[in-house]
Amino acid sequence: MTAIKSATPTRRPAGHGGGATLWAGLVLIGLVLVAAVVSAFWTPFDPEGVFSDSILLPPGAEHLLGTDSFGRDVFSSILRGAQISLLVGTVAVGIAAVLGVPFGIVAGMNPGRLDQFMMRGNDISLAFPALLLAIIFGAIFGAGTVTAMVALGIGTAPAFALIARSGTMQIMSREYVQAARASGKGGLFIGLRHVLPNISGMLIVQASVSFGIAVLAEAALSYLGLGTPPPTPSWGRMLQDAQGYLFIEPLLIVWPGIAIAVAVLGFNLLGDGLRDRFDPKMQVKR
């Protein structure tokens, strides 16, 4: 008799999902991190200076990626620009987590009117994308890196709140949480001891994805003149400076574009890989 194969999809063992995706993301992020660390101590040329004798030079032995319209070495600017991208991503995600996670946990631990009231407010906040909020903040408080970081952090917080609330509601139905509540443990103890550690996986995934979005948003804001001000190198600002020389020196747009793509893709791949590892649907107990 011919054996009939089961049509049931095979699930990955716990802790072994998304290996290739995870490592690919880590490698790309590692490149950005190395660029940021190296540029803090060394760059081939001053990325903030103006050199009138070396304007729009093509790639060569002295200037690996050429020079821009101010004579600045493009490779040096790419290296230094990684610092701004990582700084904005770190601070924005940190602000979003500090604001959104406690909000979501409190809502998830108090089902009923309080939860409904809090989440309606969160839904209203979601109607304002982080990039739009950053533009509004720039118009009110003035454009700059700090303004961009704060605005992106506040705009991303509702997403963290949704994730935290969803995870909290799942954890609150567990027997050990019910036992803790029955023994008289307070909400703060339950939130810190039982809820937060058990939702940390999904929060890490959200942080990784949000980091990539923050890097892309910072580049967009700098391109619009609402992000990092000159002469500090920023990948988005480099795109803005290069657009006037698209048909003269098109590579000036290519290099910062590649840098942005590597950073964003790296964090997205990291998030996908972590999601495969932390998602219970992709795991099976041995």
Protein backbone atom coordinates (compact mmCIF):
# COMPACT_ATOMS: atom_id res chain seq x y z
CA MET A 1 0.00 0.00 0.00
CA THR A 2 1.13 3.51 -0.73
CA ALA A 3 1.85 5.51 2.39
CA ILE A 4 -0.22 8.62 2.78
CA LYS A 5 1.72 11.63 4.06
CA SER A 6 0.12 13.84 6.65
CA ALA A 7 -1.01 17.26 5.45
CA THR A 8 -0.47 18.74 8.91
CA PRO A 9 2.10 21.57 8.66
CA THR A 10 5.35 20.92 10.46
CA ARG A 11 6.10 23.34 13.27
CA ARG A 12 9.58 24.37 14.19
CA PRO A 13 11.01 23.31 17.54
CA ALA A 14 10.89 26.01 20.19
CA GLY A 15 13.84 28.34 20.04
CA HIS A 16 14.98 27.22 16.59
CA GLY A 17 12.79 29.31 14.23
CA GLY A 18 13.95 32.06 11.94
CA GLY A 19 17.67 31.25 12.25
CA ALA A 20 18.77 32.45 8.81
CA THR A 21 16.59 35.57 8.95
CA LEU A 22 17.77 36.39 12.44
CA TRP A 23 21.44 36.05 11.54
CA ALA A 24 21.02 38.06 8.36
CA GLY A 25 19.48 40.88 10.39
CA LEU A 26 22.25 40.73 12.98
CA VAL A 27 24.93 40.92 10.29
CA LEU A 28 23.37 44.00 8.66
CA ILE A 29 22.85 45.69 12.03
CA GLY A 30 26.42 44.81 12.94
CA LEU A 31 27.68 46.69 9.88
CA VAL A 32 25.77 49.81 10.93
CA LEU A 33 26.97 49.48 14.52
CA VAL A 34 30.60 49.08 13.44
CA ALA A 35 30.30 52.17 11.25
CA ALA A 36 28.89 54.18 14.16
CA VAL A 37 31.56 53.03 16.62
CA VAL A 38 34.48 53.50 14.21
CA SER A 39 33.32 56.98 13.19
CA ALA A 40 33.26 58.05 16.84
CA PHE A 41 37.06 57.73 16.88
CA TRP A 42 38.17 57.92 13.27
CA THR A 43 37.03 58.97 9.79
CA PRO A 44 39.25 59.35 6.69
CA PHE A 45 38.28 63.02 6.42
CA ASP A 46 36.32 65.56 8.45
CA PRO A 47 32.67 64.88 7.51
CA GLU A 48 31.58 68.34 8.67
CA GLY A 49 34.16 70.46 6.87
CA VAL A 50 33.96 72.29 3.52
CA PHE A 51 36.71 71.63 0.98
CA SER A 52 36.35 73.80 -2.11
CA ASP A 53 39.28 72.13 -3.88
CA SER A 54 37.67 68.67 -3.94
CA ILE A 55 34.06 69.24 -5.00
CA LEU A 56 32.17 66.39 -6.73
CA LEU A 57 35.16 64.12 -7.15
CA PRO A 58 34.35 60.61 -8.42
CA PRO A 59 35.16 57.51 -6.34
CA GLY A 60 38.87 56.83 -6.26
CA ALA A 61 41.80 55.72 -4.13
CA GLU A 62 41.75 58.84 -1.94
CA HIS A 63 37.97 59.20 -1.68
CA LEU A 64 36.47 55.71 -1.83
CA LEU A 65 32.92 56.92 -2.53
CA GLY A 66 33.80 60.32 -3.98
CA THR A 67 32.96 63.75 -2.57
CA ASP A 68 29.78 65.82 -2.44
CA SER A 69 28.97 69.36 -3.54
CA PHE A 70 30.80 70.76 -0.49
CA GLY A 71 33.90 68.69 -1.07
CA ARG A 72 33.16 66.42 1.89
CA ASP A 73 34.22 62.79 1.71
CA VAL A 74 31.07 60.71 1.20
CA PHE A 75 32.48 57.62 2.92
CA SER A 76 33.25 59.66 6.05
CA SER A 77 29.74 61.13 6.00
CA ILE A 78 28.18 57.67 5.67
CA LEU A 79 30.15 56.43 8.68
CA ARG A 80 29.23 59.43 10.85
CA GLY A 81 25.61 59.33 9.71
CA ALA A 82 25.24 55.89 11.29
CA GLN A 83 25.62 57.55 14.71
CA ILE A 84 22.58 59.75 14.17
CA SER A 85 20.46 56.89 12.87
CA LEU A 86 21.26 54.65 15.84
CA LEU A 87 20.84 57.51 18.30
CA VAL A 88 17.43 58.48 16.98
CA GLY A 89 16.29 54.86 16.86
CA THR A 90 17.47 54.10 20.39
CA VAL A 91 15.95 57.18 22.01
CA ALA A 92 12.69 57.00 20.04
CA VAL A 93 12.14 53.32 20.84
CA GLY A 94 13.11 53.92 24.47
CA ILE A 95 10.56 56.71 24.83
CA ALA A 96 7.90 54.61 23.09
CA ALA A 97 8.52 51.64 25.40
CA VAL A 98 8.55 53.74 28.59
CA LEU A 99 5.26 55.40 27.65
CA GLY A 100 3.45 52.58 25.90
CA VAL A 101 4.30 49.43 27.86
CA PRO A 102 3.07 50.54 31.31
CA PHE A 103 -0.02 52.03 29.67
CA GLY A 104 -0.83 48.76 27.93
CA ILE A 105 -0.16 46.63 31.01
CA VAL A 106 -2.44 48.75 33.19
CA ALA A 107 -5.19 48.55 30.56
CA GLY A 108 -4.80 44.80 30.20
CA MET A 109 -4.88 44.20 33.95
CA ASN A 110 -8.07 46.22 34.39
CA PRO A 111 -10.66 44.92 31.89
CA GLY A 112 -13.87 46.88 31.75
CA ARG A 113 -14.49 50.60 31.68
CA LEU A 114 -10.94 51.62 32.50
CA ASP A 115 -9.56 49.42 29.73
CA GLN A 116 -12.11 50.71 27.23
CA PHE A 117 -11.42 54.34 28.17
CA MET A 118 -7.65 53.93 27.92
CA MET A 119 -7.75 52.08 24.62
CA ARG A 120 -10.11 54.59 23.02
CA GLY A 121 -7.52 57.22 23.81
CA ASN A 122 -4.83 54.96 22.39
CA ASP A 123 -6.88 54.50 19.21
CA ILE A 124 -7.11 58.26 18.81
CA SER A 125 -3.31 58.51 19.18
CA LEU A 126 -2.89 55.89 16.45
CA ALA A 127 -4.70 58.24 14.07
CA PHE A 128 -1.57 60.43 14.09
CA PRO A 129 1.37 58.60 12.46
CA ALA A 130 4.75 59.13 14.09
CA LEU A 131 6.15 60.88 11.01
CA LEU A 132 3.21 63.29 10.86
CA LEU A 133 3.59 64.00 14.58
CA ALA A 134 7.30 64.70 14.06
CA ILE A 135 6.49 67.19 11.31
CA ILE A 136 3.97 68.94 13.58
CA PHE A 137 6.47 69.03 16.45
CA GLY A 138 9.11 70.44 14.11
CA ALA A 139 6.77 73.24 13.06
CA ILE A 140 5.90 74.09 16.68
CA PHE A 141 9.17 73.54 18.58
CA GLY A 142 11.67 73.90 15.76
CA ALA A 143 13.36 71.27 13.65
CA GLY A 144 16.18 69.27 15.18
CA THR A 145 17.38 65.84 16.24
CA VAL A 146 15.93 66.09 19.75
CA THR A 147 12.53 67.16 18.46
CA ALA A 148 12.52 64.28 15.98
CA MET A 149 13.46 61.72 18.63
CA VAL A 150 10.79 62.85 21.08
CA ALA A 151 8.07 63.07 18.45
CA LEU A 152 8.89 59.67 16.96
CA GLY A 153 8.93 58.16 20.43
CA ILE A 154 5.54 59.58 21.36
CA GLY A 155 4.09 58.60 17.99
CA THR A 156 5.31 55.00 18.33
CA ALA A 157 4.11 54.52 21.92
CA PRO A 158 0.52 53.49 20.99
CA ALA A 159 1.85 50.47 19.09
CA PHE A 160 3.73 49.33 22.19
CA ALA A 161 0.58 49.87 24.25
CA LEU A 162 -1.44 47.59 21.96
CA ILE A 163 1.17 44.83 22.12
CA ALA A 164 1.52 45.12 25.90
CA ARG A 165 -2.24 45.06 26.46
CA SER A 166 -2.74 42.03 24.23
CA GLY A 167 0.01 40.09 25.96
CA THR A 168 -1.15 41.15 29.42
CA MET A 169 -4.69 39.95 28.81
CA GLN A 170 -3.33 36.53 27.85
CA ILE A 171 -1.10 36.31 30.92
CA MET A 172 -3.83 37.43 33.32
CA SER A 173 -5.86 34.31 32.51
CA ARG A 174 -3.06 31.97 33.59
CA GLU A 175 -3.46 29.92 36.75
CA TYR A 176 -0.34 31.21 38.45
CA VAL A 177 -1.55 34.79 38.04
CA GLN A 178 -4.96 33.87 39.46
CA ALA A 179 -3.19 32.22 42.39
CA ALA A 180 -1.09 35.33 42.99
CA ARG A 181 -4.20 37.51 42.99
CA ALA A 182 -5.98 35.11 45.34
CA SER A 183 -3.05 35.27 47.77
CA GLY A 184 -3.40 39.04 47.97
CA LYS A 185 -0.53 40.11 45.70
CA GLY A 186 -0.97 43.64 44.38
CA GLY A 187 -1.16 44.77 40.80
CA LEU A 188 2.37 46.19 40.82
CA PHE A 189 3.83 42.88 42.01
CA ILE A 190 1.88 40.87 39.43
CA GLY A 191 2.78 43.28 36.64
CA LEU A 192 6.51 43.21 37.39
CA ARG A 193 6.83 39.57 38.44
CA HIS A 194 4.46 37.77 36.10
CA VAL A 195 3.28 40.00 33.26
CA LEU A 196 6.34 41.95 32.11
CA PRO A 197 8.77 38.97 31.92
CA ASN A 198 6.23 36.92 29.94
CA ILE A 199 5.51 39.62 27.35
CA SER A 200 9.13 40.69 26.95
CA GLY A 201 9.55 38.55 23.82
CA MET A 202 6.82 40.28 21.84
CA LEU A 203 8.03 43.65 23.11
CA ILE A 204 11.54 42.95 21.84
CA VAL A 205 10.11 42.09 18.42
CA GLN A 206 8.11 45.33 18.40
CA ALA A 207 11.20 47.29 19.45
CA SER A 208 13.23 45.87 16.57
CA VAL A 209 10.57 46.71 13.97
CA SER A 210 10.02 50.17 15.48
CA PHE A 211 13.77 50.82 15.40
CA GLY A 212 13.83 50.32 11.64
CA ILE A 213 10.83 52.59 11.23
CA ALA A 214 12.52 55.28 13.35
CA VAL A 215 15.67 55.13 11.20
CA LEU A 216 13.61 55.54 8.05
CA ALA A 217 11.54 58.34 9.60
CA GLU A 218 14.66 60.24 10.68
CA ALA A 219 16.02 60.01 7.15
CA ALA A 220 12.73 61.31 5.77
CA LEU A 221 12.65 64.20 8.25
CA SER A 222 16.26 65.16 7.49
CA TYR A 223 15.49 65.00 3.77
CA LEU A 224 12.62 67.45 4.38
CA GLY A 225 14.85 69.72 6.46
CA LEU A 226 13.04 68.86 9.71
CA GLY A 227 15.54 66.43 11.18
CA THR A 228 19.25 66.61 11.89
CA PRO A 229 20.51 70.10 11.02
CA PRO A 230 23.75 70.69 9.05
CA PRO A 231 26.66 70.33 9.26
CA THR A 232 26.05 67.12 11.24
CA PRO A 233 26.04 64.25 8.71
CA SER A 234 22.71 62.49 8.25
CA TRP A 235 21.78 60.00 5.57
CA GLY A 236 18.54 61.83 4.86
CA ARG A 237 20.34 65.17 4.64
CA MET A 238 22.83 63.61 2.23
CA LEU A 239 19.94 62.62 -0.03
CA GLN A 240 18.61 66.16 0.08
CA ASP A 241 22.02 67.65 -0.80
CA ALA A 242 22.51 65.15 -3.62
CA GLN A 243 19.18 65.58 -5.40
CA GLY A 244 20.39 68.68 -7.24
CA TYR A 245 23.26 66.69 -8.75
CA LEU A 246 21.27 63.62 -9.82
CA PHE A 247 22.35 63.84 -13.47
CA ILE A 248 25.86 65.05 -12.72
CA GLU A 249 26.92 62.64 -9.98
CA PRO A 250 24.10 60.08 -9.45
CA LEU A 251 26.17 58.00 -7.03
CA LEU A 252 25.71 60.72 -4.40
CA ILE A 253 22.14 59.48 -3.98
CA VAL A 254 23.02 55.79 -4.22
CA TRP A 255 25.39 55.62 -1.23
CA PRO A 256 23.11 57.07 1.49
CA GLY A 257 20.21 55.16 -0.04
CA ILE A 258 22.11 51.91 0.40
CA ALA A 259 23.00 52.84 3.98
CA ILE A 260 19.36 53.50 4.85
CA ALA A 261 18.25 50.28 3.16
CA VAL A 262 20.85 48.21 5.04
CA ALA A 263 19.84 49.63 8.42
CA VAL A 264 16.08 49.34 7.88
CA LEU A 265 16.32 45.88 6.32
CA GLY A 266 18.57 44.71 9.14
CA PHE A 267 16.13 45.66 11.88
CA ASN A 268 13.16 44.28 9.94
CA LEU A 269 14.93 40.96 9.41
CA LEU A 270 15.88 40.90 13.09
CA GLY A 271 12.26 41.49 14.04
CA ASP A 272 11.07 38.71 11.70
CA GLY A 273 13.64 36.30 13.07
CA LEU A 274 12.76 37.10 16.67
CA ARG A 275 9.05 36.78 15.89
CA ASP A 276 9.64 33.28 14.52
CA ARG A 277 11.38 32.35 17.74
CA PHE A 278 8.95 33.94 20.17
CA ASP A 279 5.67 33.21 18.37
CA PRO A 280 4.01 30.24 20.12
CA LYS A 281 2.29 29.23 16.86
CA MET A 282 5.69 28.50 15.31
CA GLN A 283 6.87 26.40 18.23
CA VAL A 284 6.22 22.91 19.54
CA LYS A 285 7.24 21.38 22.83
CA ARG A 286 9.66 18.49 22.74
